[in-house]
Protein backbone atom coordinates (compact mmCIF):
# COMPACT_ATOMS: atom_id res chain seq x y z
CA MET A 1 -7.16 12.24 7.90
CA GLN A 2 -7.74 14.99 10.46
CA ASN A 3 -5.11 16.42 12.83
CA TYR A 4 -2.62 13.64 12.29
CA ILE A 5 0.98 14.06 13.41
CA GLY A 6 -0.07 16.94 15.65
CA ILE A 7 2.03 20.03 15.18
CA ILE A 8 4.21 18.48 12.47
CA LEU A 9 1.54 19.07 9.86
CA SER A 10 -0.33 21.91 11.50
CA ASP A 11 0.32 24.16 8.49
CA HIS A 12 -0.52 21.60 5.82
CA LYS A 13 -3.60 19.92 4.48
CA ALA A 14 -3.69 16.20 5.04
CA MET A 15 -3.94 13.64 2.28
CA LYS A 16 -7.41 12.16 2.01
CA LEU A 17 -6.96 9.01 4.05
CA ASP A 18 -10.19 8.83 6.05
CA GLY A 19 -11.59 5.30 6.02
CA ARG A 20 -8.50 3.82 4.38
CA ARG A 21 -7.39 0.42 5.60
CA GLN A 22 -4.18 -0.12 7.53
CA SER A 23 -1.53 -2.64 6.56
CA SER A 24 -1.08 -5.76 8.66
CA ASN A 25 2.63 -5.78 7.77
CA VAL A 26 3.76 -3.14 10.27
CA GLU A 27 5.79 -4.07 13.34
CA ASP A 28 6.31 -1.60 16.16
CA ARG A 29 9.78 -2.31 17.51
CA ARG A 30 10.28 0.96 19.34
CA GLY A 31 12.13 0.66 22.60
CA LYS A 32 13.80 -2.63 21.67
CA GLY A 33 17.15 -1.29 20.47
CA GLY A 34 19.61 -3.39 18.50
CA VAL A 35 23.00 -1.76 18.06
CA ILE A 36 26.07 -2.90 19.94
CA GLY A 37 28.63 -0.11 20.10
CA GLY A 38 28.53 3.33 18.54
CA GLY A 39 26.65 4.76 15.62
CA ILE A 40 28.04 6.07 12.38
CA GLY A 41 29.85 8.98 13.96
CA LEU A 42 28.06 11.93 12.36
CA GLY A 43 28.11 13.90 15.56
CA GLY A 44 24.41 14.68 15.41
CA ILE A 45 24.75 16.95 12.36
CA ILE A 46 21.35 16.48 10.75
CA ILE A 47 22.44 17.60 7.29
CA ALA A 48 24.99 14.82 7.24
CA VAL A 49 22.35 12.45 8.59
CA LEU A 50 20.01 13.36 5.77
CA TYR A 51 22.79 12.91 3.25
CA PHE A 52 22.58 9.18 3.92
CA PHE A 53 18.79 9.21 3.50
CA LEU A 54 17.21 6.90 0.95
CA THR A 55 20.26 4.88 0.04
CA GLY A 56 18.06 1.89 -0.57
CA ARG A 57 20.72 -0.33 0.94
CA ALA A 58 21.37 -1.54 4.43
CA PRO A 59 23.98 0.53 6.27
CA ASP A 60 27.51 -0.46 5.31
CA SER A 61 29.27 -2.99 7.50
CA ASN A 62 32.05 -0.52 8.24
CA LEU A 63 29.48 1.84 9.72
CA VAL A 64 27.52 -0.60 11.83
CA GLN A 65 28.12 -3.99 13.38
CA GLN A 66 26.61 -6.98 11.62
CA ILE A 67 24.45 -8.87 14.09
CA ALA A 68 21.44 -11.13 13.86
CA PRO A 69 18.00 -9.58 13.32
CA GLY A 70 15.80 -9.18 16.36
CA THR A 71 12.59 -11.12 16.80
CA SER A 72 10.75 -9.43 19.64
CA THR A 73 7.49 -7.66 18.89
CA GLU A 74 6.82 -6.14 22.32
CA THR A 75 6.23 -2.39 22.43
CA THR A 76 6.60 -1.73 26.16
CA THR A 77 10.08 -1.07 27.58
CA ASN A 78 10.97 0.34 31.00
CA GLY A 79 7.32 0.95 31.70
CA LYS A 80 6.77 3.08 28.59
CA ASP A 81 3.81 2.11 26.44
CA TYR A 82 4.89 2.91 22.90
CA SER A 83 1.41 2.24 21.56
CA GLN A 84 0.49 5.64 23.01
CA VAL A 85 3.38 7.48 21.31
CA ASP A 86 2.57 9.13 17.96
CA PRO A 87 -0.49 6.94 17.32
CA GLU A 88 -1.70 9.19 14.49
CA LEU A 89 1.64 8.97 12.75
CA MET A 90 1.69 5.20 13.18
CA THR A 91 -1.76 5.05 11.58
CA PHE A 92 -0.55 7.26 8.73
CA CYS A 93 2.46 5.02 8.02
CA SER A 94 0.26 1.92 8.10
CA GLN A 95 -2.25 3.46 5.70
CA ILE A 96 0.45 4.56 3.26
CA LEU A 97 2.03 1.09 3.34
CA ALA A 98 -1.42 -0.40 2.68
CA GLY A 99 -1.76 1.94 -0.29
CA THR A 100 1.52 0.70 -1.73
CA GLU A 101 0.27 -2.86 -1.31
CA ASP A 102 -2.93 -2.10 -3.22
CA VAL A 103 -1.16 -0.30 -6.04
CA TRP A 104 1.71 -2.73 -6.54
CA ASN A 105 -0.60 -5.74 -6.32
CA GLN A 106 -2.48 -4.24 -9.26
CA GLU A 107 0.63 -3.28 -11.21
CA PHE A 108 2.30 -6.66 -10.79
CA LYS A 109 -0.87 -8.41 -11.97
CA LYS A 110 -0.68 -6.33 -15.15
CA MET A 111 2.78 -7.81 -15.69
CA GLY A 112 1.59 -11.34 -14.97
CA LEU A 113 3.46 -11.37 -11.65
CA THR A 114 2.54 -11.73 -8.00
CA TYR A 115 3.43 -8.93 -5.62
CA GLU A 116 4.81 -9.95 -2.25
CA PRO A 117 4.53 -6.94 0.08
CA PRO A 118 7.37 -5.89 2.36
CA LYS A 119 7.17 -5.55 6.10
CA MET A 120 7.70 -2.20 7.78
CA VAL A 121 9.50 -1.97 11.12
CA ILE A 122 9.07 1.21 13.13
CA PHE A 123 11.96 1.72 15.54
CA ASP A 124 13.55 4.39 17.66
CA GLY A 125 17.22 4.96 18.23
CA SER A 126 18.57 1.70 16.88
CA VAL A 127 17.39 -1.48 15.22
CA ARG A 128 18.50 -4.95 14.14
CA SER A 129 17.74 -5.97 10.57
CA GLY A 130 18.48 -8.95 8.36
CA CYS A 131 21.26 -6.82 6.87
CA GLY A 132 22.86 -5.92 10.17
CA SER A 133 22.12 -3.22 12.70
CA ALA A 134 21.72 0.52 12.36
CA THR A 135 20.94 3.68 14.27
CA SER A 136 18.44 6.38 13.46
CA GLU A 137 21.35 8.38 12.04
CA SER A 138 21.35 6.04 9.03
CA GLY A 139 17.93 7.33 7.99
CA PRO A 140 15.11 5.14 6.62
CA PHE A 141 16.36 2.13 4.69
CA TYR A 142 15.24 -1.03 2.93
CA CYS A 143 16.87 -4.38 3.67
CA SER A 144 16.55 -6.90 0.86
CA ALA A 145 17.67 -9.79 3.09
CA ASP A 146 14.47 -9.65 5.14
CA ARG A 147 12.39 -7.62 2.67
CA THR A 148 11.68 -4.94 5.25
CA VAL A 149 11.51 -1.16 5.32
CA TYR A 150 12.97 0.36 8.50
CA LEU A 151 11.84 3.76 9.72
CA ASP A 152 12.29 5.93 12.81
CA LEU A 153 9.34 8.33 13.09
CA GLU A 154 11.64 11.08 14.36
CA PHE A 155 13.04 11.31 10.85
CA PHE A 156 9.89 13.08 9.69
CA LYS A 157 10.37 15.72 12.36
CA SER A 158 13.98 16.16 11.26
CA MET A 159 12.84 16.63 7.67
CA LYS A 160 10.72 19.55 8.75
CA ASP A 161 12.99 21.14 11.33
CA GLU A 162 16.34 20.80 9.59
CA ILE A 163 15.71 21.11 5.85
CA GLY A 164 12.14 22.38 5.70
CA ALA A 165 10.80 19.38 3.78
CA ASP A 166 7.33 19.18 5.26
CA GLY A 167 3.88 17.82 4.56
CA ASP A 168 2.07 14.52 4.67
CA PHE A 169 2.70 13.66 1.02
CA ALA A 170 6.38 14.46 1.50
CA TYR A 171 6.42 11.87 4.28
CA ALA A 172 4.43 9.42 2.16
CA TYR A 173 7.09 9.84 -0.53
CA VAL A 174 9.74 8.64 1.93
CA ILE A 175 7.82 5.41 2.52
CA ALA A 176 6.95 4.96 -1.15
CA HIS A 177 10.59 5.42 -2.16
CA GLU A 178 11.74 2.66 0.19
CA VAL A 179 8.95 0.41 -1.08
CA GLY A 180 10.24 1.30 -4.55
CA HIS A 181 13.48 -0.45 -3.61
CA HIS A 182 11.41 -3.48 -2.64
CA VAL A 183 9.80 -3.42 -6.09
CA GLN A 184 13.31 -3.32 -7.57
CA ASN A 185 14.20 -6.30 -5.41
CA LEU A 186 11.22 -8.36 -6.58
CA LEU A 187 11.97 -7.55 -10.22
CA GLY A 188 15.64 -8.53 -9.88
CA ILE A 189 16.85 -4.99 -10.51
CA LEU A 190 18.34 -4.50 -7.07
CA ASP A 191 20.49 -7.62 -7.15
CA ASP A 192 21.78 -6.83 -10.64
CA ALA A 193 22.71 -3.30 -9.62
CA HIS A 194 24.40 -4.40 -6.40
CA GLN A 195 26.40 -6.98 -8.32
CA LYS A 196 27.64 -4.27 -10.68
CA MET A 197 28.47 -2.03 -7.73
CA ALA A 198 30.48 -4.81 -6.11
CA GLU A 199 32.41 -5.28 -9.34
CA TYR A 200 33.17 -1.57 -9.57
CA GLY A 201 34.25 -1.32 -5.94
CA LYS A 202 32.98 1.09 -3.32
CA ASN A 203 33.33 4.83 -3.92
CA THR A 204 34.36 4.43 -7.55
CA LYS A 205 32.72 6.36 -10.37
CA GLY A 206 30.83 3.31 -11.61
CA TYR A 207 29.68 2.42 -8.09
CA ASN A 208 28.29 5.87 -7.40
CA GLN A 209 26.63 6.24 -10.79
CA THR A 210 24.91 2.86 -10.45
CA SER A 211 23.67 3.94 -7.03
CA VAL A 212 22.24 7.12 -8.54
CA ARG A 213 20.39 5.07 -11.17
CA LEU A 214 18.87 2.91 -8.42
CA GLU A 215 17.76 5.91 -6.38
CA LEU A 216 16.22 7.77 -9.30
CA GLN A 217 14.25 4.69 -10.29
CA ALA A 218 12.98 4.34 -6.72
CA ASP A 219 11.88 7.99 -6.92
CA PHE A 220 10.08 7.18 -10.17
CA PHE A 221 8.38 4.17 -8.58
CA ALA A 222 7.24 6.40 -5.71
CA GLY A 223 5.62 8.64 -8.30
CA VAL A 224 3.98 5.66 -10.01
CA TRP A 225 2.53 4.63 -6.66
CA ALA A 226 1.15 8.14 -6.03
CA TYR A 227 -0.43 8.27 -9.49
CA HIS A 228 -2.34 5.02 -9.01
CA ASP A 229 -3.14 5.63 -5.34
CA ASN A 230 -4.82 8.85 -6.37
CA GLN A 231 -6.66 7.06 -9.17
CA MET A 232 -7.92 4.42 -6.72
CA PHE A 233 -8.73 6.59 -3.72
CA GLY A 234 -8.58 10.27 -4.68
CA SER A 235 -5.96 10.68 -1.99
CA LEU A 236 -4.17 13.82 -3.20
CA GLU A 237 -5.19 17.41 -2.63
CA ASP A 238 -3.93 20.71 -3.98
CA GLY A 239 -0.40 21.26 -2.78
CA ASP A 240 0.39 17.61 -2.05
CA ILE A 241 2.45 17.07 -5.18
CA GLU A 242 4.40 20.27 -4.57
CA GLU A 243 5.27 19.02 -1.06
CA ALA A 244 6.77 15.81 -2.42
CA LEU A 245 8.67 17.56 -5.21
CA ASP A 246 10.06 20.03 -2.68
CA ALA A 247 11.20 17.14 -0.48
CA ALA A 248 12.84 15.41 -3.45
CA ALA A 249 14.71 18.61 -4.29
CA LYS A 250 15.91 19.10 -0.73
CA ILE A 251 17.41 15.62 -0.50
CA GLY A 252 19.35 15.93 -3.74
CA ASP A 253 23.08 15.31 -3.37
CA ASP A 254 23.97 18.79 -4.59
CA TYR A 255 21.55 20.53 -2.22
CA LEU A 256 22.66 18.58 0.86
CA GLN A 257 26.35 18.94 0.05
CA LYS A 258 25.97 22.70 -0.29
CA GLN A 259 24.17 22.80 3.06
CA ALA A 260 26.77 20.63 4.78
CA TYR A 261 30.00 21.70 3.09
CA GLY A 262 29.28 24.86 1.14
CA LYS A 263 30.15 23.17 -2.15
CA THR A 264 29.23 20.20 -4.33
CA MET A 265 31.32 17.16 -5.14
CA PRO A 266 29.65 15.55 -8.17
CA GLU A 267 32.03 12.59 -8.21
CA THR A 268 30.61 11.52 -4.84
CA PHE A 269 26.92 11.80 -5.77
CA ASN A 270 25.10 8.54 -5.06
CA HIS A 271 21.45 9.61 -4.96
CA GLY A 272 21.06 12.16 -7.74
CA THR A 273 20.81 15.92 -7.91
CA SER A 274 17.78 17.86 -6.77
CA GLU A 275 16.75 18.38 -10.38
CA GLN A 276 17.12 14.69 -11.22
CA ARG A 277 15.21 13.46 -8.20
CA SER A 278 12.36 15.89 -8.75
CA ARG A 279 12.23 15.08 -12.47
CA TRP A 280 12.01 11.31 -12.03
CA LEU A 281 9.46 11.58 -9.24
CA LYS A 282 7.40 13.90 -11.43
CA LYS A 283 7.68 11.51 -14.37
CA GLY A 284 6.20 8.71 -12.28
CA LEU A 285 3.46 11.01 -11.03
CA ARG A 286 2.65 12.11 -14.57
CA THR A 287 2.68 8.75 -16.35
CA GLY A 288 1.91 6.08 -13.77
CA ASP A 289 3.62 3.70 -16.19
CA ILE A 290 6.30 1.46 -14.69
CA ARG A 291 7.64 0.77 -18.20
CA GLN A 292 8.87 4.36 -18.46
CA GLY A 293 11.14 4.09 -15.42
CA ASP A 294 14.28 2.68 -17.03
CA THR A 295 17.11 4.64 -15.45
CA PHE A 296 19.79 2.12 -16.45
CA SER A 297 19.75 2.29 -20.26
CA PRO A 298 20.13 6.06 -20.82
CA SER A 299 23.54 7.66 -20.68
CA TYR A 300 24.38 8.93 -17.23
CA SER A 301 24.52 12.53 -18.40
CA SER A 302 20.93 12.34 -19.67
CA LEU A 303 19.33 11.10 -16.46
């Protein structure tokens, strides 16, 4: 796709998306808002913001207020027509979501199952979800209650400006990872893991390690998607894979903690190290085989 996302990707080749269909499961909720009260109190420090990226869970109730999901689909607020804001990036997100639908429809059929695609809500500033409400500071997230991926487009700009994770495939990886949590939800993996985490109790060793296993598997599923999307459509070009692996490395717990605090605190890891995240994403990219993505059986030290 040519010239998409304007200056964000001016130094990168685009994935081959020309002529690709767009998903009908995207809702533009920009300008609608949804949070009552303050955000999560990170003071605008983007490194801390990115530390919460890709949790795969709705923001915790102690961070945001739990309120009913919104229902409006209008995209014009205070005279601003949001359909004219970042249209290329909106198209990109819709095409990537469509690609995940095509791939996971195929992969679920192989397992004798039916894939039910998630919805994607694009918001700005704040949003109401079936799991409560959140601000952009929470980062992209998947809510299992309404089977929806929530994404503020400004996050992509923050990826580039604040941690140097740039490129269209890096951004596609963000979407594919969140859809990976939806795949976990459909397969019953997400519920099982969350039940274990509840039994362990928040911020315990078992809780955090189970969270890491979930996140690494979602990284693997993102790689599986990319493998099959490329097989179907020839979507990847030279350098695309390196962009995604670089992004995975720069959102590792150890990398972000060093950036934010100057040290690492392994006992608090809940997403995986840079090496782990890159390795599991690469494994999915290399094999394309969902059966090889078991991150729950191996010992934690071998992940």
